[in-house]
């Protein structure tokens, strides 16, 4: 069986499985985070409310269309109060992006518990996919508003993104070396595997099913893509 046929079957497999999830409703409630991240490290509480308000506003309206008044209103504060804690809405986006990317990286590192490359790949993809579903609101912000960051802040976040890519690429490399994976293009395949999980944040709502079930589905798909 040629790899092109395997790839086609993988596409059909995931399409069939995705269609089996309940249909998404129109008008996504971006505030409905399945399992919110812990923002207790942000002090004082007023600053924490601003972060949470910014996440919802950026996810709903996009960074460019969001005003400081909108963020402050969601936090139950006046627009002027925002500048007491953050010099700009870009700084808020940076704090959100930094924490979100670090949380995603930690998920991958925790999921890589050793063993055969195939098992490790499944574990990493399942955890990374479930994280992007479970935290779809913040994941949508950190993945799709990167261009709004200042060059300095983008460079800092990019360092974390490279570490995330390295986690997946290392597992693929190990699989190629032991003969369990057939991957002619490691960087390209790494990007493809990561994109599967990351794109979940673009369309996921709690109506689309259980994050862990989706993670298992994507883990199966990723393995089918690379198995020798």
Protein backbone atom coordinates (compact mmCIF):
# COMPACT_ATOMS: atom_id res chain seq x y z
CA UNK A 1 0.00 0.00 0.00
CA UNK A 2 1.50 3.36 -1.00
CA UNK A 3 1.86 6.20 1.52
CA UNK A 4 -0.47 8.38 -0.61
CA UNK A 5 -3.25 5.82 -0.13
CA UNK A 6 -2.52 5.66 3.62
CA UNK A 7 -2.69 9.47 3.78
CA UNK A 8 -6.02 9.51 1.94
CA UNK A 9 -7.45 6.91 4.31
CA UNK A 10 -6.25 8.98 7.28
CA UNK A 11 -8.10 12.03 5.93
CA UNK A 12 -11.27 10.02 5.42
CA UNK A 13 -10.89 8.47 8.87
CA UNK A 14 -10.66 11.79 10.71
CA UNK A 15 -13.41 13.39 8.62
CA UNK A 16 -15.78 10.56 9.45
CA UNK A 17 -14.93 10.72 13.15
CA UNK A 18 -15.25 14.53 13.33
CA UNK A 19 -18.66 14.37 11.69
CA UNK A 20 -19.74 12.00 14.45
CA UNK A 21 -19.35 14.76 17.04
CA UNK A 22 -22.43 16.86 17.80
CA UNK A 23 -22.85 19.79 15.40
CA UNK A 24 -21.43 23.12 16.50
CA UNK A 25 -23.99 25.78 17.26
CA UNK A 26 -23.73 29.21 15.69
CA UNK A 27 -22.72 32.08 17.95
CA UNK A 28 -19.86 30.60 19.95
CA UNK A 29 -19.82 31.52 23.62
CA UNK A 30 -16.12 32.17 23.98
CA UNK A 31 -16.46 32.56 27.74
CA UNK A 32 -17.45 28.93 28.10
CA UNK A 33 -13.99 27.60 28.86
CA UNK A 34 -14.31 23.93 29.66
CA UNK A 35 -11.66 24.07 32.38
CA UNK A 36 -10.15 27.51 33.00
CA UNK A 37 -6.46 27.98 33.65
CA UNK A 38 -5.34 29.04 37.10
CA UNK A 39 -4.59 32.77 37.11
CA UNK A 40 -3.99 33.02 40.87
CA UNK A 41 -0.39 33.99 40.22
CA UNK A 42 -1.63 37.33 38.84
CA UNK A 43 -1.83 39.89 41.63
CA UNK A 44 -3.62 41.96 42.74
CA UNK A 45 -7.11 40.56 42.05
CA UNK A 46 -7.94 43.62 39.93
CA UNK A 47 -5.10 42.76 37.55
CA UNK A 48 -6.37 39.18 37.42
CA UNK A 49 -9.84 40.38 36.41
CA UNK A 50 -8.31 42.47 33.65
CA UNK A 51 -6.43 39.44 32.29
CA UNK A 52 -9.58 37.33 32.29
CA UNK A 53 -11.57 40.14 30.68
CA UNK A 54 -8.90 40.59 28.01
CA UNK A 55 -8.93 36.87 27.17
CA UNK A 56 -12.67 36.91 26.54
CA UNK A 57 -12.51 40.20 24.61
CA UNK A 58 -9.60 39.16 22.40
CA UNK A 59 -11.20 35.79 21.66
CA UNK A 60 -14.56 37.34 20.82
CA UNK A 61 -13.53 40.51 18.97
CA UNK A 62 -9.87 40.04 18.07
CA UNK A 63 -7.02 42.12 19.41
CA UNK A 64 -7.32 45.01 16.95
CA UNK A 65 -11.06 45.48 17.48
CA UNK A 66 -10.84 45.28 21.27
CA UNK A 67 -10.59 48.57 23.15
CA UNK A 68 -9.22 49.17 26.62
CA UNK A 69 -12.73 50.29 27.57
CA UNK A 70 -14.09 46.90 26.53
CA UNK A 71 -11.50 45.06 28.62
CA UNK A 72 -12.05 47.27 31.65
CA UNK A 73 -15.82 46.91 31.37
CA UNK A 74 -15.57 43.12 31.42
CA UNK A 75 -13.42 43.42 34.55
CA UNK A 76 -15.93 45.74 36.21
CA UNK A 77 -13.48 48.64 36.19
CA UNK A 78 -13.06 52.04 34.58
CA UNK A 79 -10.84 52.39 31.47
CA UNK A 80 -8.35 54.49 33.42
CA UNK A 81 -7.96 51.74 36.00
CA UNK A 82 -6.47 49.41 33.38
CA UNK A 83 -3.35 51.58 33.08
CA UNK A 84 -2.69 51.26 36.80
CA UNK A 85 -1.86 47.59 36.20
CA UNK A 86 -0.86 47.37 32.52
CA UNK A 87 0.70 50.03 30.28
CA UNK A 88 -1.21 48.85 27.20
CA UNK A 89 -3.52 46.18 25.87
CA UNK A 90 -0.49 44.73 24.06
CA UNK A 91 1.13 44.11 27.42
CA UNK A 92 -1.99 42.22 28.47
CA UNK A 93 -1.81 40.13 25.32
CA UNK A 94 1.84 39.37 26.04
CA UNK A 95 1.11 38.21 29.59
CA UNK A 96 -1.68 35.98 28.29
CA UNK A 97 0.48 34.59 25.46
CA UNK A 98 3.44 33.95 27.72
CA UNK A 99 1.42 32.05 30.30
CA UNK A 100 -0.63 30.16 27.71
CA UNK A 101 2.41 28.99 25.76
CA UNK A 102 4.25 27.94 28.91
CA UNK A 103 1.18 25.99 30.05
CA UNK A 104 1.00 24.20 26.69
CA UNK A 105 4.71 23.38 26.81
CA UNK A 106 4.37 21.96 30.30
CA UNK A 107 1.51 19.75 29.11
CA UNK A 108 3.75 18.26 26.42
CA UNK A 109 6.68 17.74 28.78
CA UNK A 110 4.45 16.04 31.34
CA UNK A 111 2.94 13.77 28.68
CA UNK A 112 6.33 12.51 27.47
CA UNK A 113 6.93 9.80 30.05
CA UNK A 114 9.20 7.64 27.91
CA UNK A 115 8.65 4.33 26.18
CA UNK A 116 8.32 3.49 22.50
CA UNK A 117 8.14 6.45 20.08
CA UNK A 118 4.65 5.42 18.94
CA UNK A 119 3.33 5.47 22.50
CA UNK A 120 5.06 8.77 23.22
CA UNK A 121 3.65 10.38 20.08
CA UNK A 122 0.14 9.25 20.93
CA UNK A 123 0.51 10.55 24.47
CA UNK A 124 1.83 13.95 23.38
CA UNK A 125 -0.76 14.50 20.66
CA UNK A 126 -3.62 13.36 22.90
CA UNK A 127 -2.56 15.72 25.70
CA UNK A 128 -1.83 18.67 23.39
CA UNK A 129 -5.14 18.29 21.56
CA UNK A 130 -7.17 17.93 24.74
CA UNK A 131 -5.45 21.02 26.17
CA UNK A 132 -6.42 23.11 23.13
CA UNK A 133 -10.01 21.91 23.42
CA UNK A 134 -10.26 22.27 27.18
CA UNK A 135 -8.71 25.76 27.09
CA UNK A 136 -10.00 26.76 23.68
CA UNK A 137 -10.61 30.40 24.58
CA UNK A 138 -7.09 31.25 25.71
CA UNK A 139 -5.62 28.87 23.11
CA UNK A 140 -7.44 30.77 20.37
CA UNK A 141 -5.97 34.04 21.64
CA UNK A 142 -2.38 32.86 22.03
CA UNK A 143 -2.33 31.03 18.69
CA UNK A 144 -4.13 33.52 16.46
CA UNK A 145 -3.14 36.94 17.85
CA UNK A 146 0.64 36.52 17.68
CA UNK A 147 1.08 39.21 15.06
CA UNK A 148 -0.25 41.82 17.47
CA UNK A 149 2.71 41.34 19.82
CA UNK A 150 5.62 43.75 19.74
CA UNK A 151 8.80 42.38 18.11
CA UNK A 152 10.46 42.01 21.52
CA UNK A 153 7.52 40.17 23.05
CA UNK A 154 7.03 38.02 19.95
CA UNK A 155 10.66 36.92 20.14
CA UNK A 156 10.18 35.79 23.74
CA UNK A 157 7.06 33.80 22.88
CA UNK A 158 8.74 32.37 19.78
CA UNK A 159 11.38 30.79 22.02
CA UNK A 160 8.67 28.83 23.80
CA UNK A 161 7.06 27.87 20.51
CA UNK A 162 10.36 26.43 19.31
CA UNK A 163 10.57 24.37 22.50
CA UNK A 164 7.06 23.05 21.82
CA UNK A 165 8.05 22.05 18.29
CA UNK A 166 11.20 20.40 19.60
CA UNK A 167 9.16 18.10 21.85
CA UNK A 168 7.28 16.67 18.87
CA UNK A 169 10.25 16.62 16.51
CA UNK A 170 12.34 14.67 19.00
CA UNK A 171 9.73 11.93 19.26
CA UNK A 172 9.46 11.74 15.47
CA UNK A 173 13.26 11.58 15.21
CA UNK A 174 13.39 8.72 17.70
CA UNK A 175 10.74 6.86 15.73
CA UNK A 176 12.65 7.29 12.48
CA UNK A 177 15.82 6.04 14.12
CA UNK A 178 14.23 2.84 15.44
CA UNK A 179 12.35 2.22 12.19
CA UNK A 180 8.83 2.62 13.57
CA UNK A 181 8.15 5.90 11.72
CA UNK A 182 8.57 6.82 8.05
CA UNK A 183 9.08 10.60 8.04
CA UNK A 184 10.96 12.01 5.03
CA UNK A 185 10.49 15.62 6.17
CA UNK A 186 10.88 16.04 9.94
CA UNK A 187 10.23 19.81 10.20
CA UNK A 188 7.23 19.60 7.86
CA UNK A 189 5.74 16.61 9.65
CA UNK A 190 6.31 18.26 13.02
CA UNK A 191 4.37 21.30 11.81
CA UNK A 192 1.57 19.09 10.47
CA UNK A 193 1.21 17.19 13.75
CA UNK A 194 1.22 20.37 15.82
CA UNK A 195 -1.27 22.02 13.49
CA UNK A 196 -3.75 19.21 14.04
CA UNK A 197 -3.93 20.01 17.74
CA UNK A 198 -3.60 23.79 17.52
CA UNK A 199 -6.43 24.18 15.00
CA UNK A 200 -8.84 22.65 17.53
CA UNK A 201 -8.86 26.02 19.32
CA UNK A 202 -10.28 27.66 16.20
CA UNK A 203 -13.50 25.63 16.03
CA UNK A 204 -13.99 23.83 19.34
CA UNK A 205 -16.87 24.48 21.72
CA UNK A 206 -18.08 22.24 24.57
CA UNK A 207 -20.88 21.13 22.22
CA UNK A 208 -18.31 19.33 20.07
CA UNK A 209 -17.66 16.52 22.54
CA UNK A 210 -15.21 15.50 25.22
CA UNK A 211 -11.67 16.96 24.96
CA UNK A 212 -10.07 13.66 25.95
CA UNK A 213 -12.02 11.75 23.29
CA UNK A 214 -10.92 14.30 20.71
CA UNK A 215 -7.34 13.92 21.93
CA UNK A 216 -7.49 10.17 21.41
CA UNK A 217 -8.90 10.63 17.91
CA UNK A 218 -6.10 12.99 16.93
CA UNK A 219 -3.48 10.76 18.54
CA UNK A 220 -4.66 7.89 16.33
CA UNK A 221 -4.57 10.13 13.27
CA UNK A 222 -1.05 11.41 14.00
CA UNK A 223 0.24 7.88 14.43
CA UNK A 224 -1.37 6.76 11.16
CA UNK A 225 0.35 9.68 9.41
CA UNK A 226 3.87 8.60 10.37
CA UNK A 227 3.86 4.85 10.97
CA UNK A 228 6.24 2.89 8.76
